[in-house]
Amino acid sequence: MAARLWFIGSLLVALGLAARLIGWEFLLWVPRSVMNFIYEDPATSGIITLGILLMVVAQLIRRRD
């Protein structure tokens, strides 16, 4: 648990530094593009989301074994 908290903290520090250096507009371009893709082609994005969900479930099952 401590390792995960350390990782999340490091990720937030890196995000803050990146936002300071290159700006939020550039950083938020990726989420905006993803939302536009979901809006324009919901079937394909649904298939991709299902695939990601299955990969996460497989990873969780693998960790328990």
PDB file of N, CA and C in Angstrom:
ATOM      1  N   MET A   1       0.817  -1.190   0.000  1.00  0.00           N
ATOM      2  CA  MET A   1       0.000   0.000   0.000  1.00  0.00           C
ATOM      3  C   MET A   1       0.866   1.262   0.000  1.00  0.00           C
ATOM      4  N   ALA A   2       1.933   1.231   0.783  1.00  0.00           N
ATOM      5  CA  ALA A   2       2.823   2.389   0.838  1.00  0.00           C
ATOM      6  C   ALA A   2       3.473   2.647  -0.515  1.00  0.00           C
ATOM      7  N   ALA A   3       3.809   1.574  -1.226  1.00  0.00           N
ATOM      8  CA  ALA A   3       4.428   1.735  -2.543  1.00  0.00           C
ATOM      9  C   ALA A   3       3.456   2.381  -3.523  1.00  0.00           C
ATOM     10  N   ARG A   4       2.197   2.007  -3.441  1.00  0.00           N
ATOM     11  CA  ARG A   4       1.196   2.611  -4.332  1.00  0.00           C
ATOM     12  C   ARG A   4       1.000   4.090  -4.016  1.00  0.00           C
ATOM     13  N   LEU A   5       0.942   4.421  -2.729  1.00  0.00           N
ATOM     14  CA  LEU A   5       0.796   5.827  -2.348  1.00  0.00           C
ATOM     15  C   LEU A   5       2.002   6.647  -2.798  1.00  0.00           C
ATOM     16  N   TRP A   6       3.187   6.078  -2.672  1.00  0.00           N
ATOM     17  CA  TRP A   6       4.402   6.750  -3.127  1.00  0.00           C
ATOM     18  C   TRP A   6       4.331   6.990  -4.633  1.00  0.00           C
ATOM     19  N   PHE A   7       3.891   5.982  -5.376  1.00  0.00           N
ATOM     20  CA  PHE A   7       3.782   6.100  -6.829  1.00  0.00           C
ATOM     21  C   PHE A   7       2.777   7.182  -7.207  1.00  0.00           C
ATOM     22  N   ILE A   8       1.619   7.190  -6.560  1.00  0.00           N
ATOM     23  CA  ILE A   8       0.600   8.198  -6.870  1.00  0.00           C
ATOM     24  C   ILE A   8       1.112   9.600  -6.540  1.00  0.00           C
ATOM     25  N   GLY A   9       1.795   9.734  -5.414  1.00  0.00           N
ATOM     26  CA  GLY A   9       2.375  11.029  -5.058  1.00  0.00           C
ATOM     27  C   GLY A   9       3.396  11.491  -6.075  1.00  0.00           C
ATOM     28  N   SER A  10       4.253  10.584  -6.509  1.00  0.00           N
ATOM     29  CA  SER A  10       5.256  10.922  -7.530  1.00  0.00           C
ATOM     30  C   SER A  10       4.595  11.313  -8.837  1.00  0.00           C
ATOM     31  N   LEU A  11       3.530  10.612  -9.188  1.00  0.00           N
ATOM     32  CA  LEU A  11       2.801  10.919 -10.416  1.00  0.00           C
ATOM     33  C   LEU A  11       2.181  12.312 -10.346  1.00  0.00           C
ATOM     34  N   LEU A  12       1.621  12.667  -9.202  1.00  0.00           N
ATOM     35  CA  LEU A  12       1.026  13.994  -9.046  1.00  0.00           C
ATOM     36  C   LEU A  12       2.073  15.102  -9.095  1.00  0.00           C
ATOM     37  N   VAL A  13       3.226  14.857  -8.496  1.00  0.00           N
ATOM     38  CA  VAL A  13       4.312  15.842  -8.567  1.00  0.00           C
ATOM     39  C   VAL A  13       4.755  16.024 -10.016  1.00  0.00           C
ATOM     40  N   ALA A  14       4.913  14.922 -10.742  1.00  0.00           N
ATOM     41  CA  ALA A  14       5.318  15.004 -12.150  1.00  0.00           C
ATOM     42  C   ALA A  14       4.264  15.731 -12.978  1.00  0.00           C
ATOM     43  N   LEU A  15       2.995  15.471 -12.710  1.00  0.00           N
ATOM     44  CA  LEU A  15       1.919  16.153 -13.427  1.00  0.00           C
ATOM     45  C   LEU A  15       1.945  17.654 -13.152  1.00  0.00           C
ATOM     46  N   GLY A  16       2.149  18.023 -11.901  1.00  0.00           N
ATOM     47  CA  GLY A  16       2.230  19.442 -11.553  1.00  0.00           C
ATOM     48  C   GLY A  16       3.399  20.137 -12.219  1.00  0.00           C
ATOM     49  N   LEU A  17       4.551  19.479 -12.230  1.00  0.00           N
ATOM     50  CA  LEU A  17       5.724  20.067 -12.891  1.00  0.00           C
ATOM     51  C   LEU A  17       5.510  20.191 -14.395  1.00  0.00           C
ATOM     52  N   ALA A  18       4.911  19.160 -14.997  1.00  0.00           N
ATOM     53  CA  ALA A  18       4.644  19.217 -16.434  1.00  0.00           C
ATOM     54  C   ALA A  18       3.659  20.338 -16.750  1.00  0.00           C
ATOM     55  N   ALA A  19       2.637  20.499 -15.922  1.00  0.00           N
ATOM     56  CA  ALA A  19       1.671  21.576 -16.140  1.00  0.00           C
ATOM     57  C   ALA A  19       2.342  22.936 -16.027  1.00  0.00           C
ATOM     58  N   ARG A  20       3.261  23.056 -15.102  1.00  0.00           N
ATOM     59  CA  ARG A  20       3.978  24.326 -14.926  1.00  0.00           C
ATOM     60  C   ARG A  20       4.877  24.624 -16.122  1.00  0.00           C
ATOM     61  N   LEU A  21       5.526  23.581 -16.650  1.00  0.00           N
ATOM     62  CA  LEU A  21       6.477  23.781 -17.746  1.00  0.00           C
ATOM     63  C   LEU A  21       5.805  23.969 -19.100  1.00  0.00           C
ATOM     64  N   ILE A  22       4.816  23.122 -19.421  1.00  0.00           N
ATOM     65  CA  ILE A  22       4.243  23.182 -20.771  1.00  0.00           C
ATOM     66  C   ILE A  22       2.803  23.665 -20.798  1.00  0.00           C
ATOM     67  N   GLY A  23       2.161  23.786 -19.644  1.00  0.00           N
ATOM     68  CA  GLY A  23       0.812  24.339 -19.578  1.00  0.00           C
ATOM     69  C   GLY A  23      -0.280  23.279 -19.603  1.00  0.00           C
ATOM     70  N   TRP A  24      -1.394  23.655 -18.982  1.00  0.00           N
ATOM     71  CA  TRP A  24      -2.522  22.734 -18.894  1.00  0.00           C
ATOM     72  C   TRP A  24      -3.184  22.500 -20.242  1.00  0.00           C
ATOM     73  N   GLU A  25      -3.191  23.498 -21.102  1.00  0.00           N
ATOM     74  CA  GLU A  25      -3.840  23.337 -22.409  1.00  0.00           C
ATOM     75  C   GLU A  25      -3.248  22.168 -23.183  1.00  0.00           C
ATOM     76  N   PHE A  26      -1.937  22.068 -23.181  1.00  0.00           N
ATOM     77  CA  PHE A  26      -1.278  20.966 -23.887  1.00  0.00           C
ATOM     78  C   PHE A  26      -1.558  19.638 -23.198  1.00  0.00           C
ATOM     79  N   LEU A  27      -1.519  19.618 -21.865  1.00  0.00           N
ATOM     80  CA  LEU A  27      -1.754  18.374 -21.129  1.00  0.00           C
ATOM     81  C   LEU A  27      -3.187  17.870 -21.284  1.00  0.00           C
ATOM     82  N   LEU A  28      -4.134  18.778 -21.390  1.00  0.00           N
ATOM     83  CA  LEU A  28      -5.536  18.376 -21.502  1.00  0.00           C
ATOM     84  C   LEU A  28      -5.960  18.089 -22.933  1.00  0.00           C
ATOM     85  N   TRP A  29      -5.046  18.201 -23.892  1.00  0.00           N
ATOM     86  CA  TRP A  29      -5.362  17.897 -25.276  1.00  0.00           C
ATOM     87  C   TRP A  29      -5.700  16.417 -25.445  1.00  0.00           C
ATOM     88  N   VAL A  30      -4.976  15.543 -24.776  1.00  0.00           N
ATOM     89  CA  VAL A  30      -5.209  14.100 -24.906  1.00  0.00           C
ATOM     90  C   VAL A  30      -6.599  13.707 -24.395  1.00  0.00           C
ATOM     91  N   PRO A  31      -7.001  14.094 -23.183  1.00  0.00           N
ATOM     92  CA  PRO A  31      -8.357  13.726 -22.750  1.00  0.00           C
ATOM     93  C   PRO A  31      -9.455  14.294 -23.646  1.00  0.00           C
ATOM     94  N   ARG A  32      -9.235  15.505 -24.160  1.00  0.00           N
ATOM     95  CA  ARG A  32     -10.225  16.079 -25.076  1.00  0.00           C
ATOM     96  C   ARG A  32     -10.329  15.262 -26.350  1.00  0.00           C
ATOM     97  N   SER A  33      -9.206  14.800 -26.869  1.00  0.00           N
ATOM     98  CA  SER A  33      -9.206  13.977 -28.075  1.00  0.00           C
ATOM     99  C   SER A  33      -9.912  12.651 -27.829  1.00  0.00           C
ATOM    100  N   VAL A  34      -9.682  12.067 -26.659  1.00  0.00           N
ATOM    101  CA  VAL A  34     -10.350  10.804 -26.319  1.00  0.00           C
ATOM    102  C   VAL A  34     -11.861  11.007 -26.242  1.00  0.00           C
ATOM    103  N   MET A  35     -12.299  12.082 -25.608  1.00  0.00           N
ATOM    104  CA  MET A  35     -13.735  12.343 -25.501  1.00  0.00           C
ATOM    105  C   MET A  35     -14.362  12.581 -26.873  1.00  0.00           C
ATOM    106  N   ASN A  36     -13.661  13.273 -27.760  1.00  0.00           N
ATOM    107  CA  ASN A  36     -14.169  13.469 -29.114  1.00  0.00           C
ATOM    108  C   ASN A  36     -14.278  12.148 -29.855  1.00  0.00           C
ATOM    109  N   PHE A  37     -13.292  11.256 -29.666  1.00  0.00           N
ATOM    110  CA  PHE A  37     -13.320   9.944 -30.307  1.00  0.00           C
ATOM    111  C   PHE A  37     -14.511   9.131 -29.811  1.00  0.00           C
ATOM    112  N   ILE A  38     -14.771   9.160 -28.502  1.00  0.00           N
ATOM    113  CA  ILE A  38     -15.903   8.416 -27.941  1.00  0.00           C
ATOM    114  C   ILE A  38     -17.216   8.960 -28.490  1.00  0.00           C
ATOM    115  N   TYR A  39     -17.325  10.266 -28.602  1.00  0.00           N
ATOM    116  CA  TYR A  39     -18.545  10.886 -29.112  1.00  0.00           C
ATOM    117  C   TYR A  39     -18.767  10.552 -30.583  1.00  0.00           C
ATOM    118  N   GLU A  40     -17.689  10.555 -31.382  1.00  0.00           N
ATOM    119  CA  GLU A  40     -17.810  10.330 -32.818  1.00  0.00           C
ATOM    120  C   GLU A  40     -18.012   8.866 -33.179  1.00  0.00           C
ATOM    121  N   ASP A  41     -17.435   7.934 -32.415  1.00  0.00           N
ATOM    122  CA  ASP A  41     -17.509   6.513 -32.754  1.00  0.00           C
ATOM    123  C   ASP A  41     -17.693   5.677 -31.487  1.00  0.00           C
ATOM    124  N   PRO A  42     -18.916   5.654 -30.944  1.00  0.00           N
ATOM    125  CA  PRO A  42     -19.125   4.977 -29.665  1.00  0.00           C
ATOM    126  C   PRO A  42     -18.949   3.460 -29.727  1.00  0.00           C
ATOM    127  N   ALA A  43     -19.240   2.830 -30.853  1.00  0.00           N
ATOM    128  CA  ALA A  43     -19.103   1.370 -30.945  1.00  0.00           C
ATOM    129  C   ALA A  43     -17.643   0.949 -30.820  1.00  0.00           C
ATOM    130  N   THR A  44     -16.773   1.606 -31.555  1.00  0.00           N
ATOM    131  CA  THR A  44     -15.350   1.268 -31.498  1.00  0.00           C
ATOM    132  C   THR A  44     -14.775   1.569 -30.123  1.00  0.00           C
ATOM    133  N   SER A  45     -15.151   2.689 -29.553  1.00  0.00           N
ATOM    134  CA  SER A  45     -14.631   3.018 -28.226  1.00  0.00           C
ATOM    135  C   SER A  45     -15.160   2.044 -27.177  1.00  0.00           C
ATOM    136  N   GLY A  46     -16.362   1.524 -27.363  1.00  0.00           N
ATOM    137  CA  GLY A  46     -16.895   0.518 -26.454  1.00  0.00           C
ATOM    138  C   GLY A  46     -16.109  -0.777 -26.511  1.00  0.00           C
ATOM    139  N   ILE A  47     -15.733  -1.187 -27.714  1.00  0.00           N
ATOM    140  CA  ILE A  47     -14.928  -2.400 -27.877  1.00  0.00           C
ATOM    141  C   ILE A  47     -13.557  -2.210 -27.238  1.00  0.00           C
ATOM    142  N   ILE A  48     -12.956  -1.050 -27.442  1.00  0.00           N
ATOM    143  CA  ILE A  48     -11.646  -0.767 -26.846  1.00  0.00           C
ATOM    144  C   ILE A  48     -11.756  -0.763 -25.321  1.00  0.00           C
ATOM    145  N   THR A  49     -12.808  -0.151 -24.788  1.00  0.00           N
ATOM    146  CA  THR A  49     -13.013  -0.114 -23.340  1.00  0.00           C
ATOM    147  C   THR A  49     -13.198  -1.513 -22.775  1.00  0.00           C
ATOM    148  N   LEU A  50     -13.959  -2.352 -23.461  1.00  0.00           N
ATOM    149  CA  LEU A  50     -14.145  -3.735 -23.026  1.00  0.00           C
ATOM    150  C   LEU A  50     -12.821  -4.487 -23.015  1.00  0.00           C
ATOM    151  N   GLY A  51     -11.996  -4.274 -24.027  1.00  0.00           N
ATOM    152  CA  GLY A  51     -10.682  -4.911 -24.073  1.00  0.00           C
ATOM    153  C   GLY A  51      -9.801  -4.481 -22.918  1.00  0.00           C
ATOM    154  N   ILE A  52      -9.799  -3.192 -22.606  1.00  0.00           N
ATOM    155  CA  ILE A  52      -9.005  -2.692 -21.477  1.00  0.00           C
ATOM    156  C   ILE A  52      -9.524  -3.281 -20.171  1.00  0.00           C
ATOM    157  N   LEU A  53     -10.838  -3.346 -20.017  1.00  0.00           N
ATOM    158  CA  LEU A  53     -11.428  -3.919 -18.809  1.00  0.00           C
ATOM    159  C   LEU A  53     -11.025  -5.382 -18.638  1.00  0.00           C
ATOM    160  N   LEU A  54     -11.049  -6.156 -19.716  1.00  0.00           N
ATOM    161  CA  LEU A  54     -10.639  -7.555 -19.646  1.00  0.00           C
ATOM    162  C   LEU A  54      -9.164  -7.693 -19.290  1.00  0.00           C
ATOM    163  N   MET A  55      -8.320  -6.807 -19.805  1.00  0.00           N
ATOM    164  CA  MET A  55      -6.897  -6.856 -19.452  1.00  0.00           C
ATOM    165  C   MET A  55      -6.689  -6.546 -17.970  1.00  0.00           C
ATOM    166  N   VAL A  56      -7.448  -5.596 -17.427  1.00  0.00           N
ATOM    167  CA  VAL A  56      -7.331  -5.267 -16.004  1.00  0.00           C
ATOM    168  C   VAL A  56      -7.789  -6.440 -15.144  1.00  0.00           C
ATOM    169  N   VAL A  57      -8.901  -7.073 -15.525  1.00  0.00           N
ATOM    170  CA  VAL A  57      -9.383  -8.233 -14.776  1.00  0.00           C
ATOM    171  C   VAL A  57      -8.360  -9.356 -14.824  1.00  0.00           C
ATOM    172  N   ALA A  58      -7.763  -9.598 -15.983  1.00  0.00           N
ATOM    173  CA  ALA A  58      -6.739 -10.639 -16.100  1.00  0.00           C
ATOM    174  C   ALA A  58      -5.547 -10.332 -15.201  1.00  0.00           C
ATOM    175  N   GLN A  59      -5.161  -9.080 -15.119  1.00  0.00           N
ATOM    176  CA  GLN A  59      -4.042  -8.687 -14.254  1.00  0.00           C
ATOM    177  C   GLN A  59      -4.385  -8.909 -12.786  1.00  0.00           C
ATOM    178  N   LEU A  60      -5.615  -8.596 -12.396  1.00  0.00           N
ATOM    179  CA  LEU A  60      -6.037  -8.814 -11.011  1.00  0.00           C
ATOM    180  C   LEU A  60      -6.072 -10.298 -10.672  1.00  0.00           C
ATOM    181  N   ILE A  61      -6.538 -11.122 -11.593  1.00  0.00           N
ATOM    182  CA  ILE A  61      -6.556 -12.568 -11.370  1.00  0.00           C
ATOM    183  C   ILE A  61      -5.135 -13.097 -11.258  1.00  0.00           C
ATOM    184  N   ARG A  62      -4.245 -12.615 -12.091  1.00  0.00           N
ATOM    185  CA  ARG A  62      -2.853 -13.060 -12.077  1.00  0.00           C
ATOM    186  C   ARG A  62      -2.184 -12.718 -10.744  1.00  0.00           C
ATOM    187  N   ARG A  63      -2.496 -11.561 -10.165  1.00  0.00           N
ATOM    188  CA  ARG A  63      -1.887 -11.153  -8.890  1.00  0.00           C
ATOM    189  C   ARG A  63      -2.349 -12.024  -7.732  1.00  0.00           C
ATOM    190  N   ARG A  64      -3.561 -12.541  -7.802  1.00  0.00           N
ATOM    191  CA  ARG A  64      -4.078 -13.377  -6.715  1.00  0.00           C
ATOM    192  C   ARG A  64      -3.448 -14.757  -6.705  1.00  0.00           C
ATOM    193  N   ASP A  65      -3.017 -15.227  -7.841  1.00  0.00           N
ATOM    194  CA  ASP A  65      -2.438 -16.584  -7.918  1.00  0.00           C
ATOM    195  C   ASP A  65      -1.022 -16.640  -7.447  1.00  0.00           C
TER     196      ASP A  65
END
